[in-house]
Amino acid sequence: MPDLDVDLTDSVLRLTLNRPDVLNALTGEMSLALAEALEGVNARDDVRVVVLTGAGEAFSTGADIGGDEAHERFGSDAMDVAARMVRGIVASDTPVLAAVNGIAAGVSCSLALACDVIVARDSAAFLLPFARIGFMVDGGASATVAAAVGRARAMRMGLLAEPLSAQEAHDAGLVTHVAPAAEYDDVVATLVRRLAAGAPLAQAATKRAINAATLAHLDAALDRERSGQTLLMRTADVAEGMRAFSERRRPVFRGE
């Protein structure tokens, strides 16, 4: 699979984003491969827990928007694949653990926050930087973040694009565990073993019940994000935001 490592060992399906030289920025092929892997979990009887992580020093910086005229590569298809990834995590009867080893930004932050258990290395950070390039939040973050931390913090993360440290994310209720670097691997391994040894029918029922109570409007949120983002993708502000990102300067937005 393109830049996505898939490993099944002892009933643990580990999905590793593997472009460490660019902080695991997601290509369209990577996103599609990840969506298909997540969607296929419910049809498997050899998987008891899924681990989503990144290679190297980052979880992922989100969609790869490098290069000239990058905005022209984005459209409703990209949004559809993002929605498939998120729905694959939430709809999976199998617990999905995000092992966030470094920065989780953009749609990759959204993916991490959609997982059932989220373990962050203490040096990690969570960022929804969409507003910096003229986009709105996506990947279901308009629902998952608000469900976890409330409207005020969700607005702060979405509108101001302020990063949260791993500890701040834990204190706010966005992640379940934070571990120092020296203990991180052991904490992840311990939680994976506990989940893999758990009662799968009870785990599935628990996931469904909690998601129904907290994410009942996820599908509607994903539809709103798709509509809004698809329109924004064609604006001059997004083109300017992406050029500014590539040129490492502050964008000048004109509401066009």
C-alpha atoms as a PDB file:
ATOM      1  CA  MET A   1       0.000   0.000   0.000  1.00  0.00           C
ATOM      2  CA  PRO A   2       1.330   3.484  -0.836  1.00  0.00           C
ATOM      3  CA  ASP A   3       3.178   4.921   2.170  1.00  0.00           C
ATOM      4  CA  LEU A   4       0.849   3.076   4.561  1.00  0.00           C
ATOM      5  CA  ASP A   5       2.406   0.185   6.460  1.00  0.00           C
ATOM      6  CA  VAL A   6      -0.107  -2.513   7.419  1.00  0.00           C
ATOM      7  CA  ASP A   7       0.930  -5.139   9.947  1.00  0.00           C
ATOM      8  CA  LEU A   8      -1.184  -7.771  11.695  1.00  0.00           C
ATOM      9  CA  THR A   9       0.502  -9.377  14.684  1.00  0.00           C
ATOM     10  CA  ASP A  10      -1.236 -11.212  17.525  1.00  0.00           C
ATOM     11  CA  SER A  11      -4.669  -9.857  16.491  1.00  0.00           C
ATOM     12  CA  VAL A  12      -3.385  -6.256  16.499  1.00  0.00           C
ATOM     13  CA  LEU A  13      -3.754  -4.452  13.167  1.00  0.00           C
ATOM     14  CA  ARG A  14      -1.189  -1.657  13.103  1.00  0.00           C
ATOM     15  CA  LEU A  15      -1.667   1.021  10.450  1.00  0.00           C
ATOM     16  CA  THR A  16       1.398   3.264  10.207  1.00  0.00           C
ATOM     17  CA  LEU A  17       1.505   6.436   8.132  1.00  0.00           C
ATOM     18  CA  ASN A  18       4.957   6.192   6.604  1.00  0.00           C
ATOM     19  CA  ARG A  19       6.276   9.368   4.990  1.00  0.00           C
ATOM     20  CA  PRO A  20       8.534  10.501   7.829  1.00  0.00           C
ATOM     21  CA  ASP A  21      10.592  12.774   5.570  1.00  0.00           C
ATOM     22  CA  VAL A  22       7.509  15.028   5.180  1.00  0.00           C
ATOM     23  CA  LEU A  23       6.068  14.380   8.655  1.00  0.00           C
ATOM     24  CA  ASN A  24       3.664  11.791   7.234  1.00  0.00           C
ATOM     25  CA  ALA A  25       1.666  14.289   5.205  1.00  0.00           C
ATOM     26  CA  LEU A  26      -1.236  12.430   3.611  1.00  0.00           C
ATOM     27  CA  THR A  27      -1.406  11.924  -0.128  1.00  0.00           C
ATOM     28  CA  GLY A  28      -4.640  10.980  -1.833  1.00  0.00           C
ATOM     29  CA  GLU A  29      -3.392   7.403  -2.267  1.00  0.00           C
ATOM     30  CA  MET A  30      -2.478   7.123   1.415  1.00  0.00           C
ATOM     31  CA  SER A  31      -5.877   8.407   2.489  1.00  0.00           C
ATOM     32  CA  LEU A  32      -7.693   5.995   0.200  1.00  0.00           C
ATOM     33  CA  ALA A  33      -5.603   3.047   1.402  1.00  0.00           C
ATOM     34  CA  LEU A  34      -6.267   3.997   5.021  1.00  0.00           C
ATOM     35  CA  ALA A  35      -9.998   4.362   4.402  1.00  0.00           C
ATOM     36  CA  GLU A  36     -10.149   0.926   2.786  1.00  0.00           C
ATOM     37  CA  ALA A  37      -8.153  -0.675   5.614  1.00  0.00           C
ATOM     38  CA  LEU A  38     -10.431   0.824   8.269  1.00  0.00           C
ATOM     39  CA  GLU A  39     -13.607  -0.056   6.408  1.00  0.00           C
ATOM     40  CA  GLY A  40     -12.499  -3.664   6.120  1.00  0.00           C
ATOM     41  CA  VAL A  41     -12.002  -4.276   9.837  1.00  0.00           C
ATOM     42  CA  ASN A  42     -15.586  -5.295  10.618  1.00  0.00           C
ATOM     43  CA  ALA A  43     -15.394  -8.078   8.030  1.00  0.00           C
ATOM     44  CA  ARG A  44     -12.330  -9.612   9.712  1.00  0.00           C
ATOM     45  CA  ASP A  45     -12.339 -12.063  12.607  1.00  0.00           C
ATOM     46  CA  ASP A  46      -8.569 -11.911  13.117  1.00  0.00           C
ATOM     47  CA  VAL A  47      -8.417  -8.328  14.424  1.00  0.00           C
ATOM     48  CA  ARG A  48      -9.121  -7.459  18.058  1.00  0.00           C
ATOM     49  CA  VAL A  49      -7.676  -3.947  18.121  1.00  0.00           C
ATOM     50  CA  VAL A  50      -6.519  -1.391  15.541  1.00  0.00           C
ATOM     51  CA  VAL A  51      -3.569   0.934  16.171  1.00  0.00           C
ATOM     52  CA  LEU A  52      -3.178   4.062  14.063  1.00  0.00           C
ATOM     53  CA  THR A  53       0.173   5.827  14.293  1.00  0.00           C
ATOM     54  CA  GLY A  54       2.890   7.625  12.338  1.00  0.00           C
ATOM     55  CA  ALA A  55       6.488   6.774  11.500  1.00  0.00           C
ATOM     56  CA  GLY A  56       9.325   8.902  12.801  1.00  0.00           C
ATOM     57  CA  GLU A  57       8.776  12.013  14.872  1.00  0.00           C
ATOM     58  CA  ALA A  58       5.244  12.956  13.748  1.00  0.00           C
ATOM     59  CA  PHE A  59       1.806  11.419  13.718  1.00  0.00           C
ATOM     60  CA  SER A  60       0.886  13.400  10.592  1.00  0.00           C
ATOM     61  CA  THR A  61       0.671  17.023   9.513  1.00  0.00           C
ATOM     62  CA  GLY A  62      -2.509  16.355   7.530  1.00  0.00           C
ATOM     63  CA  ALA A  63      -3.130  16.592   3.808  1.00  0.00           C
ATOM     64  CA  ASP A  64      -0.072  17.212   1.669  1.00  0.00           C
ATOM     65  CA  ILE A  65      -0.605  20.719   0.308  1.00  0.00           C
ATOM     66  CA  GLY A  66       2.931  21.360  -0.867  1.00  0.00           C
ATOM     67  CA  GLY A  67       3.708  22.480  -4.398  1.00  0.00           C
ATOM     68  CA  ASP A  68       2.430  25.126  -6.778  1.00  0.00           C
ATOM     69  CA  GLU A  69      -1.321  25.430  -7.349  1.00  0.00           C
ATOM     70  CA  ALA A  70      -1.930  22.696  -4.806  1.00  0.00           C
ATOM     71  CA  HIS A  71      -5.505  23.874  -4.336  1.00  0.00           C
ATOM     72  CA  GLU A  72      -6.359  22.540  -7.786  1.00  0.00           C
ATOM     73  CA  ARG A  73      -5.770  18.962  -6.567  1.00  0.00           C
ATOM     74  CA  PHE A  74      -8.507  19.227  -3.965  1.00  0.00           C
ATOM     75  CA  GLY A  75     -12.200  18.715  -4.489  1.00  0.00           C
ATOM     76  CA  SER A  76     -15.220  16.839  -3.252  1.00  0.00           C
ATOM     77  CA  ASP A  77     -13.410  13.507  -3.824  1.00  0.00           C
ATOM     78  CA  ALA A  78     -10.840  14.424  -1.174  1.00  0.00           C
ATOM     79  CA  MET A  79     -13.611  15.271   1.258  1.00  0.00           C
ATOM     80  CA  ASP A  80     -15.356  11.982   0.533  1.00  0.00           C
ATOM     81  CA  VAL A  81     -12.216  10.004   1.333  1.00  0.00           C
ATOM     82  CA  ALA A  82     -11.707  11.977   4.559  1.00  0.00           C
ATOM     83  CA  ALA A  83     -15.280  11.154   5.573  1.00  0.00           C
ATOM     84  CA  ARG A  84     -14.691   7.488   4.776  1.00  0.00           C
ATOM     85  CA  MET A  85     -11.655   7.403   7.078  1.00  0.00           C
ATOM     86  CA  VAL A  86     -13.565   8.965   9.958  1.00  0.00           C
ATOM     87  CA  ARG A  87     -16.645   6.813   9.445  1.00  0.00           C
ATOM     88  CA  GLY A  88     -14.390   3.748   9.248  1.00  0.00           C
ATOM     89  CA  ILE A  89     -13.009   4.525  12.715  1.00  0.00           C
ATOM     90  CA  VAL A  90     -16.343   5.347  14.324  1.00  0.00           C
ATOM     91  CA  ALA A  91     -18.296   2.504  12.686  1.00  0.00           C
ATOM     92  CA  SER A  92     -15.691  -0.123  13.508  1.00  0.00           C
ATOM     93  CA  ASP A  93     -16.899  -2.574  16.167  1.00  0.00           C
ATOM     94  CA  THR A  94     -13.234  -3.091  17.004  1.00  0.00           C
ATOM     95  CA  PRO A  95     -11.529  -0.555  19.299  1.00  0.00           C
ATOM     96  CA  VAL A  96      -9.244   1.858  17.447  1.00  0.00           C
ATOM     97  CA  LEU A  97      -6.300   3.319  19.362  1.00  0.00           C
ATOM     98  CA  ALA A  98      -4.433   6.372  18.097  1.00  0.00           C
ATOM     99  CA  ALA A  99      -0.784   6.335  19.158  1.00  0.00           C
ATOM    100  CA  VAL A 100       0.080   9.992  18.677  1.00  0.00           C
ATOM    101  CA  ASN A 101       3.857  10.136  18.706  1.00  0.00           C
ATOM    102  CA  GLY A 102       4.209  13.750  17.532  1.00  0.00           C
ATOM    103  CA  ILE A 103       2.338  16.562  15.841  1.00  0.00           C
ATOM    104  CA  ALA A 104      -1.200  15.696  14.699  1.00  0.00           C
ATOM    105  CA  ALA A 105      -2.511  18.453  12.459  1.00  0.00           C
ATOM    106  CA  GLY A 106      -5.313  19.084  10.002  1.00  0.00           C
ATOM    107  CA  VAL A 107      -7.348  16.095   8.904  1.00  0.00           C
ATOM    108  CA  SER A 108      -4.863  13.838  10.698  1.00  0.00           C
ATOM    109  CA  CYS A 109      -5.732  15.571  13.960  1.00  0.00           C
ATOM    110  CA  SER A 110      -9.383  14.929  13.112  1.00  0.00           C
ATOM    111  CA  LEU A 111      -8.613  11.249  12.541  1.00  0.00           C
ATOM    112  CA  ALA A 112      -6.745  10.894  15.826  1.00  0.00           C
ATOM    113  CA  LEU A 113      -9.568  12.552  17.760  1.00  0.00           C
ATOM    114  CA  ALA A 114     -12.136  10.224  16.182  1.00  0.00           C
ATOM    115  CA  CYS A 115     -10.370   7.193  17.676  1.00  0.00           C
ATOM    116  CA  ASP A 116     -11.656   5.440  20.784  1.00  0.00           C
ATOM    117  CA  VAL A 117      -8.455   5.590  22.838  1.00  0.00           C
ATOM    118  CA  ILE A 118      -5.882   8.305  22.171  1.00  0.00           C
ATOM    119  CA  VAL A 119      -2.404   8.008  23.666  1.00  0.00           C
ATOM    120  CA  ALA A 120      -0.175  11.027  23.174  1.00  0.00           C
ATOM    121  CA  ARG A 121       3.538  11.308  23.794  1.00  0.00           C
ATOM    122  CA  ASP A 122       4.046  14.329  26.024  1.00  0.00           C
ATOM    123  CA  SER A 123       5.884  16.152  23.225  1.00  0.00           C
ATOM    124  CA  ALA A 124       2.944  15.752  20.827  1.00  0.00           C
ATOM    125  CA  ALA A 125       0.570  18.548  19.862  1.00  0.00           C
ATOM    126  CA  PHE A 126      -2.874  18.800  18.298  1.00  0.00           C
ATOM    127  CA  LEU A 127      -3.674  21.449  15.738  1.00  0.00           C
ATOM    128  CA  LEU A 128      -6.601  22.320  13.470  1.00  0.00           C
ATOM    129  CA  PRO A 129      -4.795  24.816  11.209  1.00  0.00           C
ATOM    130  CA  PHE A 130      -7.463  25.021   8.497  1.00  0.00           C
ATOM    131  CA  ALA A 131      -8.239  28.705   9.115  1.00  0.00           C
ATOM    132  CA  ARG A 132      -4.608  29.608   8.399  1.00  0.00           C
ATOM    133  CA  ILE A 133      -5.074  28.744   4.727  1.00  0.00           C
ATOM    134  CA  GLY A 134      -8.692  29.782   4.279  1.00  0.00           C
ATOM    135  CA  PHE A 135     -10.384  26.442   4.983  1.00  0.00           C
ATOM    136  CA  MET A 136     -12.915  25.319   7.578  1.00  0.00           C
ATOM    137  CA  VAL A 137     -12.329  22.351   9.897  1.00  0.00           C
ATOM    138  CA  ASP A 138     -13.092  18.947   8.407  1.00  0.00           C
ATOM    139  CA  GLY A 139     -12.649  15.247   9.037  1.00  0.00           C
ATOM    140  CA  GLY A 140     -15.599  15.392  11.426  1.00  0.00           C
ATOM    141  CA  ALA A 141     -13.763  17.723  13.805  1.00  0.00           C
ATOM    142  CA  SER A 142     -16.725  20.104  13.924  1.00  0.00           C
ATOM    143  CA  ALA A 143     -18.546  17.279  15.732  1.00  0.00           C
ATOM    144  CA  THR A 144     -15.862  15.306  17.563  1.00  0.00           C
ATOM    145  CA  VAL A 145     -14.018  18.266  19.078  1.00  0.00           C
ATOM    146  CA  ALA A 146     -17.202  19.995  20.214  1.00  0.00           C
ATOM    147  CA  ALA A 147     -18.474  16.712  21.692  1.00  0.00           C
ATOM    148  CA  ALA A 148     -15.262  16.321  23.697  1.00  0.00           C
ATOM    149  CA  VAL A 149     -14.483  19.867  24.846  1.00  0.00           C
ATOM    150  CA  GLY A 150     -17.557  21.995  24.189  1.00  0.00           C
ATOM    151  CA  ARG A 151     -18.409  24.849  21.870  1.00  0.00           C
ATOM    152  CA  ALA A 152     -16.030  27.484  23.257  1.00  0.00           C
ATOM    153  CA  ARG A 153     -12.853  25.398  23.000  1.00  0.00           C
ATOM    154  CA  ALA A 154     -13.931  24.008  19.618  1.00  0.00           C
ATOM    155  CA  MET A 155     -14.361  27.576  18.329  1.00  0.00           C
ATOM    156  CA  ARG A 156     -10.959  28.532  19.719  1.00  0.00           C
ATOM    157  CA  MET A 157      -9.230  25.610  18.017  1.00  0.00           C
ATOM    158  CA  GLY A 158     -11.133  26.046  14.762  1.00  0.00           C
ATOM    159  CA  LEU A 159     -11.155  29.822  14.351  1.00  0.00           C
ATOM    160  CA  LEU A 160      -7.800  30.727  15.892  1.00  0.00           C
ATOM    161  CA  ALA A 161      -5.920  27.562  14.861  1.00  0.00           C
ATOM    162  CA  GLU A 162      -4.143  27.441  18.193  1.00  0.00           C
ATOM    163  CA  PRO A 163      -2.240  24.228  18.933  1.00  0.00           C
ATOM    164  CA  LEU A 164      -2.853  22.268  22.103  1.00  0.00           C
ATOM    165  CA  SER A 165       0.006  20.457  23.777  1.00  0.00           C
ATOM    166  CA  ALA A 166      -0.546  16.824  24.673  1.00  0.00           C
ATOM    167  CA  GLN A 167      -1.127  17.744  28.315  1.00  0.00           C
ATOM    168  CA  GLU A 168      -3.531  20.555  27.392  1.00  0.00           C
ATOM    169  CA  ALA A 169      -5.426  18.159  25.138  1.00  0.00           C
ATOM    170  CA  HIS A 170      -5.643  15.642  27.964  1.00  0.00           C
ATOM    171  CA  ASP A 171      -6.791  18.236  30.476  1.00  0.00           C
ATOM    172  CA  ALA A 172      -9.430  19.446  28.019  1.00  0.00           C
ATOM    173  CA  GLY A 173     -10.764  15.919  27.516  1.00  0.00           C
ATOM    174  CA  LEU A 174      -9.578  15.444  23.922  1.00  0.00           C
ATOM    175  CA  VAL A 175      -7.203  12.535  24.595  1.00  0.00           C
ATOM    176  CA  THR A 176      -7.339   9.647  27.026  1.00  0.00           C
ATOM    177  CA  HIS A 177      -3.674   9.233  28.004  1.00  0.00           C
ATOM    178  CA  VAL A 178      -0.424  11.215  27.997  1.00  0.00           C
ATOM    179  CA  ALA A 179       2.939   9.568  28.562  1.00  0.00           C
ATOM    180  CA  PRO A 180       6.521  10.840  28.729  1.00  0.00           C
ATOM    181  CA  ALA A 181       8.772   9.680  25.920  1.00  0.00           C
ATOM    182  CA  ALA A 182      10.504   7.086  28.099  1.00  0.00           C
ATOM    183  CA  GLU A 183       7.176   5.441  29.000  1.00  0.00           C
ATOM    184  CA  TYR A 184       5.157   6.062  25.847  1.00  0.00           C
ATOM    185  CA  ASP A 185       5.801   2.750  24.072  1.00  0.00           C
ATOM    186  CA  ASP A 186       5.061   0.770  27.233  1.00  0.00           C
ATOM    187  CA  VAL A 187       1.815   2.661  27.849  1.00  0.00           C
ATOM    188  CA  VAL A 188       0.685   2.040  24.257  1.00  0.00           C
ATOM    189  CA  ALA A 189       1.624  -1.652  24.459  1.00  0.00           C
ATOM    190  CA  THR A 190      -0.198  -2.108  27.781  1.00  0.00           C
ATOM    191  CA  LEU A 191      -3.390  -0.510  26.510  1.00  0.00           C
ATOM    192  CA  VAL A 192      -3.253  -2.502  23.273  1.00  0.00           C
ATOM    193  CA  ARG A 193      -2.943  -5.744  25.262  1.00  0.00           C
ATOM    194  CA  ARG A 194      -5.880  -4.785  27.483  1.00  0.00           C
ATOM    195  CA  LEU A 195      -8.069  -3.946  24.508  1.00  0.00           C
ATOM    196  CA  ALA A 196      -7.065  -7.084  22.623  1.00  0.00           C
ATOM    197  CA  ALA A 197      -7.934  -9.212  25.670  1.00  0.00           C
ATOM    198  CA  GLY A 198     -11.285  -7.497  26.196  1.00  0.00           C
ATOM    199  CA  ALA A 199     -14.736  -8.891  25.430  1.00  0.00           C
ATOM    200  CA  PRO A 200     -15.308  -7.954  21.775  1.00  0.00           C
ATOM    201  CA  LEU A 201     -19.109  -8.005  21.903  1.00  0.00           C
ATOM    202  CA  ALA A 202     -19.144  -5.748  24.953  1.00  0.00           C
ATOM    203  CA  GLN A 203     -16.571  -3.446  23.368  1.00  0.00           C
ATOM    204  CA  ALA A 204     -18.666  -3.134  20.207  1.00  0.00           C
ATOM    205  CA  ALA A 205     -21.826  -2.437  22.186  1.00  0.00           C
ATOM    206  CA  THR A 206     -20.021   0.158  24.297  1.00  0.00           C
ATOM    207  CA  LYS A 207     -18.648   1.925  21.226  1.00  0.00           C
ATOM    208  CA  ARG A 208     -22.071   2.047  19.613  1.00  0.00           C
ATOM    209  CA  ALA A 209     -23.750   3.371  22.742  1.00  0.00           C
ATOM    210  CA  ILE A 210     -21.209   6.095  23.485  1.00  0.00           C
ATOM    211  CA  ASN A 211     -20.982   7.194  19.863  1.00  0.00           C
ATOM    212  CA  ALA A 212     -24.772   7.311  19.603  1.00  0.00           C
ATOM    213  CA  ALA A 213     -24.896   9.520  22.689  1.00  0.00           C
ATOM    214  CA  THR A 214     -22.074  11.869  21.714  1.00  0.00           C
ATOM    215  CA  LEU A 215     -21.750  11.722  17.918  1.00  0.00           C
ATOM    216  CA  ALA A 216     -25.338  11.285  16.779  1.00  0.00           C
ATOM    217  CA  HIS A 217     -24.895  14.206  14.399  1.00  0.00           C
ATOM    218  CA  LEU A 218     -21.563  13.100  12.907  1.00  0.00           C
ATOM    219  CA  ASP A 219     -23.001  12.256   9.491  1.00  0.00           C
ATOM    220  CA  ALA A 220     -24.682  15.646   9.269  1.00  0.00           C
ATOM    221  CA  ALA A 221     -21.442  17.327  10.352  1.00  0.00           C
ATOM    222  CA  LEU A 222     -19.465  15.508   7.671  1.00  0.00           C
ATOM    223  CA  ASP A 223     -22.033  16.534   5.064  1.00  0.00           C
ATOM    224  CA  ARG A 224     -21.816  20.182   6.167  1.00  0.00           C
ATOM    225  CA  GLU A 225     -18.033  20.052   6.101  1.00  0.00           C
ATOM    226  CA  ARG A 226     -18.090  18.563   2.607  1.00  0.00           C
ATOM    227  CA  SER A 227     -20.392  21.266   1.285  1.00  0.00           C
ATOM    228  CA  GLY A 228     -18.543  24.102   2.975  1.00  0.00           C
ATOM    229  CA  GLN A 229     -15.065  22.887   2.167  1.00  0.00           C
ATOM    230  CA  THR A 230     -15.906  22.161  -1.471  1.00  0.00           C
ATOM    231  CA  LEU A 231     -17.034  25.758  -1.911  1.00  0.00           C
ATOM    232  CA  LEU A 232     -14.007  27.133  -0.070  1.00  0.00           C
ATOM    233  CA  MET A 233     -11.629  25.084  -2.213  1.00  0.00           C
ATOM    234  CA  ARG A 234     -12.563  27.234  -5.200  1.00  0.00           C
ATOM    235  CA  THR A 235     -12.051  30.606  -3.523  1.00  0.00           C
ATOM    236  CA  ALA A 236      -9.225  33.070  -4.041  1.00  0.00           C
ATOM    237  CA  ASP A 237      -8.614  33.022  -0.290  1.00  0.00           C
ATOM    238  CA  VAL A 238      -7.739  29.314  -0.330  1.00  0.00           C
ATOM    239  CA  ALA A 239      -5.472  29.753  -3.348  1.00  0.00           C
ATOM    240  CA  GLU A 240      -3.734  32.587  -1.500  1.00  0.00           C
ATOM    241  CA  GLY A 241      -3.544  30.568   1.701  1.00  0.00           C
ATOM    242  CA  MET A 242      -1.873  27.650  -0.037  1.00  0.00           C
ATOM    243  CA  ARG A 243       0.561  29.876  -1.905  1.00  0.00           C
ATOM    244  CA  ALA A 244       1.448  31.605   1.344  1.00  0.00           C
ATOM    245  CA  PHE A 245       1.952  28.234   3.033  1.00  0.00           C
ATOM    246  CA  SER A 246       4.334  27.125   0.270  1.00  0.00           C
ATOM    247  CA  GLU A 247       6.160  30.466   0.386  1.00  0.00           C
ATOM    248  CA  ARG A 248       6.276  30.469   4.206  1.00  0.00           C
ATOM    249  CA  ARG A 249       4.632  33.840   4.587  1.00  0.00           C
ATOM    250  CA  ARG A 250       1.467  35.182   6.192  1.00  0.00           C
ATOM    251  CA  PRO A 251      -1.512  35.080   3.810  1.00  0.00           C
ATOM    252  CA  VAL A 252      -3.563  38.121   2.943  1.00  0.00           C
ATOM    253  CA  PHE A 253      -7.225  37.156   2.846  1.00  0.00           C
ATOM    254  CA  ARG A 254      -9.768  39.360   1.048  1.00  0.00           C
ATOM    255  CA  GLY A 255     -12.966  37.363   1.451  1.00  0.00           C
ATOM    256  CA  GLU A 256     -12.980  36.374  -2.205  1.00  0.00           C
END
